[in-house]
C-alpha atoms as a PDB file:
ATOM      1  CA  MET A   1     118.308  66.053  99.880  1.00  0.00           C
ATOM      2  CA  ASN A   2     118.255  68.882  97.267  1.00  0.00           C
ATOM      3  CA  GLY A   3     116.377  71.366  99.375  1.00  0.00           C
ATOM      4  CA  PHE A   4     112.669  72.510  99.939  1.00  0.00           C
ATOM      5  CA  PHE A   5     110.370  75.022  98.428  1.00  0.00           C
ATOM      6  CA  ILE A   6     108.763  77.400 101.120  1.00  0.00           C
ATOM      7  CA  THR A   7     105.299  78.682 100.386  1.00  0.00           C
ATOM      8  CA  GLY A   8     102.816  80.336 102.791  1.00  0.00           C
ATOM      9  CA  THR A   9      99.074  80.525 103.447  1.00  0.00           C
ATOM     10  CA  ASP A  10      99.339  84.247 102.462  1.00  0.00           C
ATOM     11  CA  THR A  11     101.749  87.130 102.032  1.00  0.00           C
ATOM     12  CA  GLY A  12     103.274  88.386 105.341  1.00  0.00           C
ATOM     13  CA  VAL A  13     103.039  84.939 107.312  1.00  0.00           C
ATOM     14  CA  GLY A  14     106.866  84.597 107.793  1.00  0.00           C
ATOM     15  CA  LYS A  15     108.136  82.574 104.895  1.00  0.00           C
ATOM     16  CA  THR A  16     111.484  84.470 104.865  1.00  0.00           C
ATOM     17  CA  VAL A  17     112.011  83.900 108.697  1.00  0.00           C
ATOM     18  CA  VAL A  18     111.276  80.227 108.227  1.00  0.00           C
ATOM     19  CA  ALA A  19     113.332  79.856 105.098  1.00  0.00           C
ATOM     20  CA  ALA A  20     116.263  81.637 106.884  1.00  0.00           C
ATOM     21  CA  ALA A  21     115.950  79.456 110.009  1.00  0.00           C
ATOM     22  CA  LEU A  22     115.905  76.287 108.000  1.00  0.00           C
ATOM     23  CA  ILE A  23     118.969  77.524 106.086  1.00  0.00           C
ATOM     24  CA  HIS A  24     120.830  78.165 109.309  1.00  0.00           C
ATOM     25  CA  ARG A  25     119.721  74.758 110.843  1.00  0.00           C
ATOM     26  CA  LEU A  26     120.691  72.702 107.578  1.00  0.00           C
ATOM     27  CA  ALA A  27     123.958  74.573 107.743  1.00  0.00           C
ATOM     28  CA  GLU A  28     124.629  73.329 111.227  1.00  0.00           C
ATOM     29  CA  THR A  29     124.422  69.788 109.949  1.00  0.00           C
ATOM     30  CA  GLY A  30     127.563  70.463 107.902  1.00  0.00           C
ATOM     31  CA  ARG A  31     125.758  70.930 104.477  1.00  0.00           C
ATOM     32  CA  ARG A  32     126.518  73.627 101.883  1.00  0.00           C
ATOM     33  CA  VAL A  33     123.188  75.548 101.896  1.00  0.00           C
ATOM     34  CA  ALA A  34     121.868  78.439  99.779  1.00  0.00           C
ATOM     35  CA  GLY A  35     118.776  80.446  99.943  1.00  0.00           C
ATOM     36  CA  MET A  36     116.883  81.605  96.842  1.00  0.00           C
ATOM     37  CA  LYS A  37     114.201  84.229  96.341  1.00  0.00           C
ATOM     38  CA  PRO A  38     113.530  83.834  92.548  1.00  0.00           C
ATOM     39  CA  VAL A  39     111.392  86.886  92.505  1.00  0.00           C
ATOM     40  CA  ALA A  40     111.147  89.777  94.874  1.00  0.00           C
ATOM     41  CA  ALA A  41     108.502  92.438  94.404  1.00  0.00           C
ATOM     42  CA  GLY A  42     109.175  95.551  96.620  1.00  0.00           C
ATOM     43  CA  CYS A  43     112.986  96.543  96.382  1.00  0.00           C
ATOM     44  CA  LEU A  44     114.853  99.568  97.211  1.00  0.00           C
ATOM     45  CA  ARG A  45     117.400 101.101  94.972  1.00  0.00           C
ATOM     46  CA  SER A  46     121.030 100.829  96.269  1.00  0.00           C
ATOM     47  CA  PRO A  47     124.383 101.617  94.689  1.00  0.00           C
ATOM     48  CA  GLU A  48     124.495  98.140  93.663  1.00  0.00           C
ATOM     49  CA  GLY A  49     121.045  97.964  92.141  1.00  0.00           C
ATOM     50  CA  TRP A  50     117.624  96.969  93.356  1.00  0.00           C
ATOM     51  CA  ARG A  51     117.594  95.116  96.602  1.00  0.00           C
ATOM     52  CA  ASN A  52     115.052  93.298  98.704  1.00  0.00           C
ATOM     53  CA  ASP A  53     115.204  92.846 102.400  1.00  0.00           C
ATOM     54  CA  ASP A  54     113.787  89.221 102.224  1.00  0.00           C
ATOM     55  CA  ALA A  55     116.353  88.209  99.646  1.00  0.00           C
ATOM     56  CA  LEU A  56     119.322  89.876 101.708  1.00  0.00           C
ATOM     57  CA  GLN A  57     118.202  87.670 104.706  1.00  0.00           C
ATOM     58  CA  LEU A  58     118.417  84.431 102.765  1.00  0.00           C
ATOM     59  CA  LEU A  59     121.895  85.450 101.242  1.00  0.00           C
ATOM     60  CA  ALA A  60     123.090  86.209 104.856  1.00  0.00           C
ATOM     61  CA  ALA A  61     121.752  82.913 106.203  1.00  0.00           C
ATOM     62  CA  GLY A  62     123.570  80.667 103.665  1.00  0.00           C
ATOM     63  CA  ASN A  63     126.998  79.380 104.035  1.00  0.00           C
ATOM     64  CA  ILE A  64     128.209  79.699 100.401  1.00  0.00           C
ATOM     65  CA  PRO A  65     129.741  82.966  99.017  1.00  0.00           C
ATOM     66  CA  LEU A  66     127.096  84.146  96.562  1.00  0.00           C
ATOM     67  CA  ARG A  67     126.334  87.342  94.575  1.00  0.00           C
ATOM     68  CA  TYR A  68     122.973  88.876  95.379  1.00  0.00           C
ATOM     69  CA  GLU A  69     121.802  88.238  91.747  1.00  0.00           C
ATOM     70  CA  GLU A  70     122.212  84.513  92.166  1.00  0.00           C
ATOM     71  CA  VAL A  71     119.984  84.517  95.229  1.00  0.00           C
ATOM     72  CA  ASN A  72     117.386  87.040  93.762  1.00  0.00           C
ATOM     73  CA  PRO A  73     117.616  87.014  89.909  1.00  0.00           C
ATOM     74  CA  PHE A  74     114.486  89.070  89.510  1.00  0.00           C
ATOM     75  CA  ALA A  75     114.380  92.070  91.802  1.00  0.00           C
ATOM     76  CA  LEU A  76     111.290  94.159  91.087  1.00  0.00           C
ATOM     77  CA  PRO A  77     110.863  97.845  92.266  1.00  0.00           C
ATOM     78  CA  ALA A  78     106.991  97.805  92.997  1.00  0.00           C
ATOM     79  CA  ALA A  79     105.677  96.029  96.201  1.00  0.00           C
ATOM     80  CA  ILE A  80     102.626  94.482  94.256  1.00  0.00           C
ATOM     81  CA  ALA A  81     101.738  91.149  92.774  1.00  0.00           C
ATOM     82  CA  PRO A  82     104.832  89.742  91.065  1.00  0.00           C
ATOM     83  CA  HIS A  83     103.301  89.456  87.608  1.00  0.00           C
ATOM     84  CA  LEU A  84     102.144  92.995  87.938  1.00  0.00           C
ATOM     85  CA  ALA A  85     105.452  94.265  89.029  1.00  0.00           C
ATOM     86  CA  ALA A  86     107.174  92.667  86.267  1.00  0.00           C
ATOM     87  CA  ARG A  87     104.897  94.104  83.675  1.00  0.00           C
ATOM     88  CA  GLU A  88     105.476  97.522  85.162  1.00  0.00           C
ATOM     89  CA  ALA A  89     109.212  96.868  85.008  1.00  0.00           C
ATOM     90  CA  GLY A  90     109.163  95.576  81.625  1.00  0.00           C
ATOM     91  CA  VAL A  91     110.520  92.007  82.627  1.00  0.00           C
ATOM     92  CA  LYS A  92     109.078  88.729  81.581  1.00  0.00           C
ATOM     93  CA  LEU A  93     108.775  86.017  84.317  1.00  0.00           C
ATOM     94  CA  SER A  94     108.652  82.376  83.252  1.00  0.00           C
ATOM     95  CA  VAL A  95     109.062  79.084  85.005  1.00  0.00           C
ATOM     96  CA  ALA A  96     111.815  78.241  82.405  1.00  0.00           C
ATOM     97  CA  ALA A  97     113.733  81.384  83.076  1.00  0.00           C
ATOM     98  CA  LEU A  98     113.515  80.734  86.901  1.00  0.00           C
ATOM     99  CA  TYR A  99     114.386  77.288  86.695  1.00  0.00           C
ATOM    100  CA  ALA A 100     117.676  78.066  84.779  1.00  0.00           C
ATOM    101  CA  HIS A 101     118.654  80.401  87.530  1.00  0.00           C
ATOM    102  CA  TYR A 102     117.922  77.734  90.173  1.00  0.00           C
ATOM    103  CA  ALA A 103     119.912  75.042  88.276  1.00  0.00           C
ATOM    104  CA  GLN A 104     123.009  77.287  88.296  1.00  0.00           C
ATOM    105  CA  LEU A 105     122.696  77.929  92.016  1.00  0.00           C
ATOM    106  CA  ALA A 106     121.876  74.269  92.875  1.00  0.00           C
ATOM    107  CA  ALA A 107     125.072  73.228  91.089  1.00  0.00           C
ATOM    108  CA  ARG A 108     126.940  75.069  93.849  1.00  0.00           C
ATOM    109  CA  ALA A 109     125.075  73.781  96.840  1.00  0.00           C
ATOM    110  CA  GLU A 110     123.998  70.439  98.433  1.00  0.00           C
ATOM    111  CA  SER A 111     120.610  72.010  99.478  1.00  0.00           C
ATOM    112  CA  VAL A 112     118.732  75.102  98.228  1.00  0.00           C
ATOM    113  CA  ILE A 113     115.746  76.552 100.051  1.00  0.00           C
ATOM    114  CA  VAL A 114     113.639  78.397  97.473  1.00  0.00           C
ATOM    115  CA  GLU A 115     111.239  80.916  98.870  1.00  0.00           C
ATOM    116  CA  GLY A 116     108.071  81.741  96.880  1.00  0.00           C
ATOM    117  CA  ALA A 117     106.119  85.008  96.901  1.00  0.00           C
ATOM    118  CA  GLY A 118     102.821  85.349  98.747  1.00  0.00           C
ATOM    119  CA  GLY A 119     100.801  82.012  98.685  1.00  0.00           C
ATOM    120  CA  TRP A 120     100.875  78.932  96.519  1.00  0.00           C
ATOM    121  CA  ARG A 121      99.043  80.075  93.377  1.00  0.00           C
ATOM    122  CA  VAL A 122     100.518  83.797  93.035  1.00  0.00           C
ATOM    123  CA  PRO A 123     100.842  84.221  89.210  1.00  0.00           C
ATOM    124  CA  LEU A 124     103.999  84.622  87.522  1.00  0.00           C
ATOM    125  CA  ASN A 125     102.491  85.595  84.135  1.00  0.00           C
ATOM    126  CA  GLU A 126      99.342  85.154  82.366  1.00  0.00           C
ATOM    127  CA  GLN A 127      99.552  81.280  82.258  1.00  0.00           C
ATOM    128  CA  GLU A 128     102.092  80.339  84.944  1.00  0.00           C
ATOM    129  CA  SER A 129     102.220  80.559  88.816  1.00  0.00           C
ATOM    130  CA  PHE A 130     104.661  79.856  91.612  1.00  0.00           C
ATOM    131  CA  ALA A 131     102.789  76.402  91.918  1.00  0.00           C
ATOM    132  CA  ASP A 132     104.192  75.616  88.495  1.00  0.00           C
ATOM    133  CA  LEU A 133     107.650  76.626  89.483  1.00  0.00           C
ATOM    134  CA  ALA A 134     107.485  74.276  92.627  1.00  0.00           C
ATOM    135  CA  VAL A 135     106.362  71.544  90.294  1.00  0.00           C
ATOM    136  CA  ALA A 136     109.262  72.088  87.820  1.00  0.00           C
ATOM    137  CA  LEU A 137     111.758  72.230  90.598  1.00  0.00           C
ATOM    138  CA  LYS A 138     110.544  68.966  92.030  1.00  0.00           C
ATOM    139  CA  LEU A 139     111.375  70.098  95.663  1.00  0.00           C
ATOM    140  CA  PRO A 140     109.197  69.093  98.640  1.00  0.00           C
ATOM    141  CA  VAL A 141     107.060  71.878  99.988  1.00  0.00           C
ATOM    142  CA  ILE A 142     106.933  73.309 103.389  1.00  0.00           C
ATOM    143  CA  LEU A 143     103.861  75.435 104.116  1.00  0.00           C
ATOM    144  CA  VAL A 144     104.050  78.393 106.491  1.00  0.00           C
ATOM    145  CA  VAL A 145     100.799  78.766 108.308  1.00  0.00           C
ATOM    146  CA  GLY A 146     100.238  82.356 109.757  1.00  0.00           C
ATOM    147  CA  ILE A 147      98.314  81.620 112.895  1.00  0.00           C
ATOM    148  CA  ARG A 148      95.631  84.173 113.048  1.00  0.00           C
ATOM    149  CA  LEU A 149      91.884  84.213 112.541  1.00  0.00           C
ATOM    150  CA  GLY A 150      91.126  82.217 109.394  1.00  0.00           C
ATOM    151  CA  CYS A 151      94.107  80.256 109.224  1.00  0.00           C
ATOM    152  CA  LEU A 152      92.426  76.777 109.417  1.00  0.00           C
ATOM    153  CA  ASN A 153      90.563  77.406 106.088  1.00  0.00           C
ATOM    154  CA  HIS A 154      93.732  78.974 104.369  1.00  0.00           C
ATOM    155  CA  ALA A 155      95.999  76.333 105.639  1.00  0.00           C
ATOM    156  CA  LEU A 156      93.758  73.413 104.562  1.00  0.00           C
ATOM    157  CA  LEU A 157      92.944  74.791 101.202  1.00  0.00           C
ATOM    158  CA  SER A 158      96.684  75.404 100.529  1.00  0.00           C
ATOM    159  CA  GLY A 159      97.520  71.863 101.604  1.00  0.00           C
ATOM    160  CA  GLU A 160      95.000  70.397  99.296  1.00  0.00           C
ATOM    161  CA  ALA A 161      96.231  72.457  96.423  1.00  0.00           C
ATOM    162  CA  ILE A 162      99.876  71.690  96.940  1.00  0.00           C
ATOM    163  CA  THR A 163      99.069  67.882  97.044  1.00  0.00           C
ATOM    164  CA  ARG A 164      96.822  68.009  93.911  1.00  0.00           C
ATOM    165  CA  SER A 165      99.783  69.746  92.044  1.00  0.00           C
ATOM    166  CA  GLY A 166     101.662  66.398  92.519  1.00  0.00           C
ATOM    167  CA  VAL A 167     104.441  67.756  94.807  1.00  0.00           C
ATOM    168  CA  ARG A 168     105.043  66.441  98.345  1.00  0.00           C
ATOM    169  CA  LEU A 169     104.109  68.414 101.183  1.00  0.00           C
ATOM    170  CA  ALA A 170     106.862  67.777 103.607  1.00  0.00           C
ATOM    171  CA  GLY A 171     105.728  69.594 106.578  1.00  0.00           C
ATOM    172  CA  TRP A 172     104.334  72.862 107.882  1.00  0.00           C
ATOM    173  CA  VAL A 173     105.318  75.402 110.394  1.00  0.00           C
ATOM    174  CA  ALA A 174     102.973  77.276 112.636  1.00  0.00           C
ATOM    175  CA  ASN A 175     104.092  81.015 112.755  1.00  0.00           C
ATOM    176  CA  ILE A 176     102.061  82.871 115.338  1.00  0.00           C
ATOM    177  CA  ILE A 177     101.265  86.168 113.632  1.00  0.00           C
ATOM    178  CA  ASP A 178      98.450  87.404 116.127  1.00  0.00           C
ATOM    179  CA  PRO A 179      99.343  86.535 119.699  1.00  0.00           C
ATOM    180  CA  THR A 180      95.956  87.820 120.836  1.00  0.00           C
ATOM    181  CA  MET A 181      94.152  85.266 118.869  1.00  0.00           C
ATOM    182  CA  GLU A 182      91.956  83.045 120.939  1.00  0.00           C
ATOM    183  CA  ARG A 183      92.530  79.342 121.238  1.00  0.00           C
ATOM    184  CA  ILE A 184      95.897  79.286 119.435  1.00  0.00           C
ATOM    185  CA  LEU A 185      96.759  75.872 120.789  1.00  0.00           C
ATOM    186  CA  GLU A 186      93.483  74.257 119.748  1.00  0.00           C
ATOM    187  CA  ASN A 187      93.809  75.659 116.054  1.00  0.00           C
ATOM    188  CA  ILE A 188      97.211  74.229 115.888  1.00  0.00           C
ATOM    189  CA  ALA A 189      96.072  71.090 117.224  1.00  0.00           C
ATOM    190  CA  ALA A 190      93.034  71.029 114.571  1.00  0.00           C
ATOM    191  CA  LEU A 191      95.781  71.540 111.846  1.00  0.00           C
ATOM    192  CA  GLU A 192      97.797  68.643 113.203  1.00  0.00           C
ATOM    193  CA  THR A 193      94.921  66.255 112.685  1.00  0.00           C
ATOM    194  CA  ARG A 194      93.942  67.574 109.279  1.00  0.00           C
ATOM    195  CA  LEU A 195      97.053  68.385 107.274  1.00  0.00           C
ATOM    196  CA  ALA A 196      98.747  65.258 105.807  1.00  0.00           C
ATOM    197  CA  ALA A 197     102.173  66.381 106.896  1.00  0.00           C
ATOM    198  CA  PRO A 198     104.125  66.804 110.150  1.00  0.00           C
ATOM    199  CA  ARG A 199     104.293  70.018 112.103  1.00  0.00           C
ATOM    200  CA  LEU A 200     108.102  71.014 111.852  1.00  0.00           C
ATOM    201  CA  ALA A 201     108.100  73.883 114.247  1.00  0.00           C
ATOM    202  CA  THR A 202     106.077  76.520 116.004  1.00  0.00           C
ATOM    203  CA  PHE A 203     107.508  80.076 115.944  1.00  0.00           C
ATOM    204  CA  PRO A 204     106.420  82.497 118.644  1.00  0.00           C
ATOM    205  CA  HIS A 205     105.217  86.128 117.892  1.00  0.00           C
ATOM    206  CA  LEU A 206     108.625  88.096 117.891  1.00  0.00           C
ATOM    207  CA  ALA A 207     109.041  91.757 117.064  1.00  0.00           C
ATOM    208  CA  HIS A 208     112.708  91.085 116.005  1.00  0.00           C
ATOM    209  CA  PRO A 209     113.077  87.201 115.239  1.00  0.00           C
ATOM    210  CA  ASP A 210     116.355  85.572 116.165  1.00  0.00           C
ATOM    211  CA  VAL A 211     116.975  83.295 113.276  1.00  0.00           C
ATOM    212  CA  ALA A 212     119.648  81.264 115.030  1.00  0.00           C
ATOM    213  CA  ALA A 213     117.375  80.608 118.002  1.00  0.00           C
ATOM    214  CA  LEU A 214     114.513  79.865 115.775  1.00  0.00           C
ATOM    215  CA  ALA A 215     116.583  77.362 113.782  1.00  0.00           C
ATOM    216  CA  ALA A 216     116.788  75.120 116.896  1.00  0.00           C
ATOM    217  CA  GLU A 217     112.940  74.663 116.773  1.00  0.00           C
ATOM    218  CA  PHE A 218     112.952  72.670 113.633  1.00  0.00           C
ATOM    219  CA  ASN A 219     112.296  68.937 113.808  1.00  0.00           C
ATOM    220  CA  LEU A 220     114.723  67.715 111.133  1.00  0.00           C
ATOM    221  CA  ALA A 221     114.017  64.230 112.040  1.00  0.00           C
ATOM    222  CA  ALA A 222     110.473  64.782 110.513  1.00  0.00           C
ATOM    223  CA  LEU A 223     112.207  66.039 107.389  1.00  0.00           C
ATOM    224  CA  ALA A 224     114.304  62.896 107.418  1.00  0.00           C
ATOM    225  CA  VAL A 225     117.470  65.058 107.545  1.00  0.00           C
ATOM    226  CA  ARG A 226     120.470  63.679 109.110  1.00  0.00           C
ATOM    227  CA  PRO A 227     123.911  65.358 109.715  1.00  0.00           C
END
């Protein structure tokens, strides 16, 4: 098992928390696991350079000593769509460049959890998107579904697009974004009967998520992962 590609039904649905929890859970099985955020748009300047909070979380979750740049090779200052942030920074994003960074990281780890940006088809450049990157990496995909009004349509469309891209939808995680949403359990049940992949976990709404605690929610058996 080389790892998984984490995508979401939208931006802000909890991809980083899910990715960090999965890294933590896989590390508990004895694997050497690394996280990767190939492109991060929305960074703060530090003495060491531009840094993104999501990428820092993935770096902290892994159990392999890595430099920040290995986890997040493209740190872009502006908190806007990645292809626009790259243009503004004078950076050229491409699937080939991102794949090269991934290959270097994968050579040091048994499993790499790669987090995309936004949803499945967020552009990388004028021709390519994160969907193209996932296809090139040949990693099974985990879809993070932000449970809030509208999640059924977003999740089902994303699931269809992932499958049509030719990669395997390995599973999905229900992340409760809006705890006041009506019929939460019924919406999750509707997705279970319609998405062609198992629900791997349900994450509750938490102001300050505990990654170690959430890691225990993952159904690794559904991912065919064994210690």
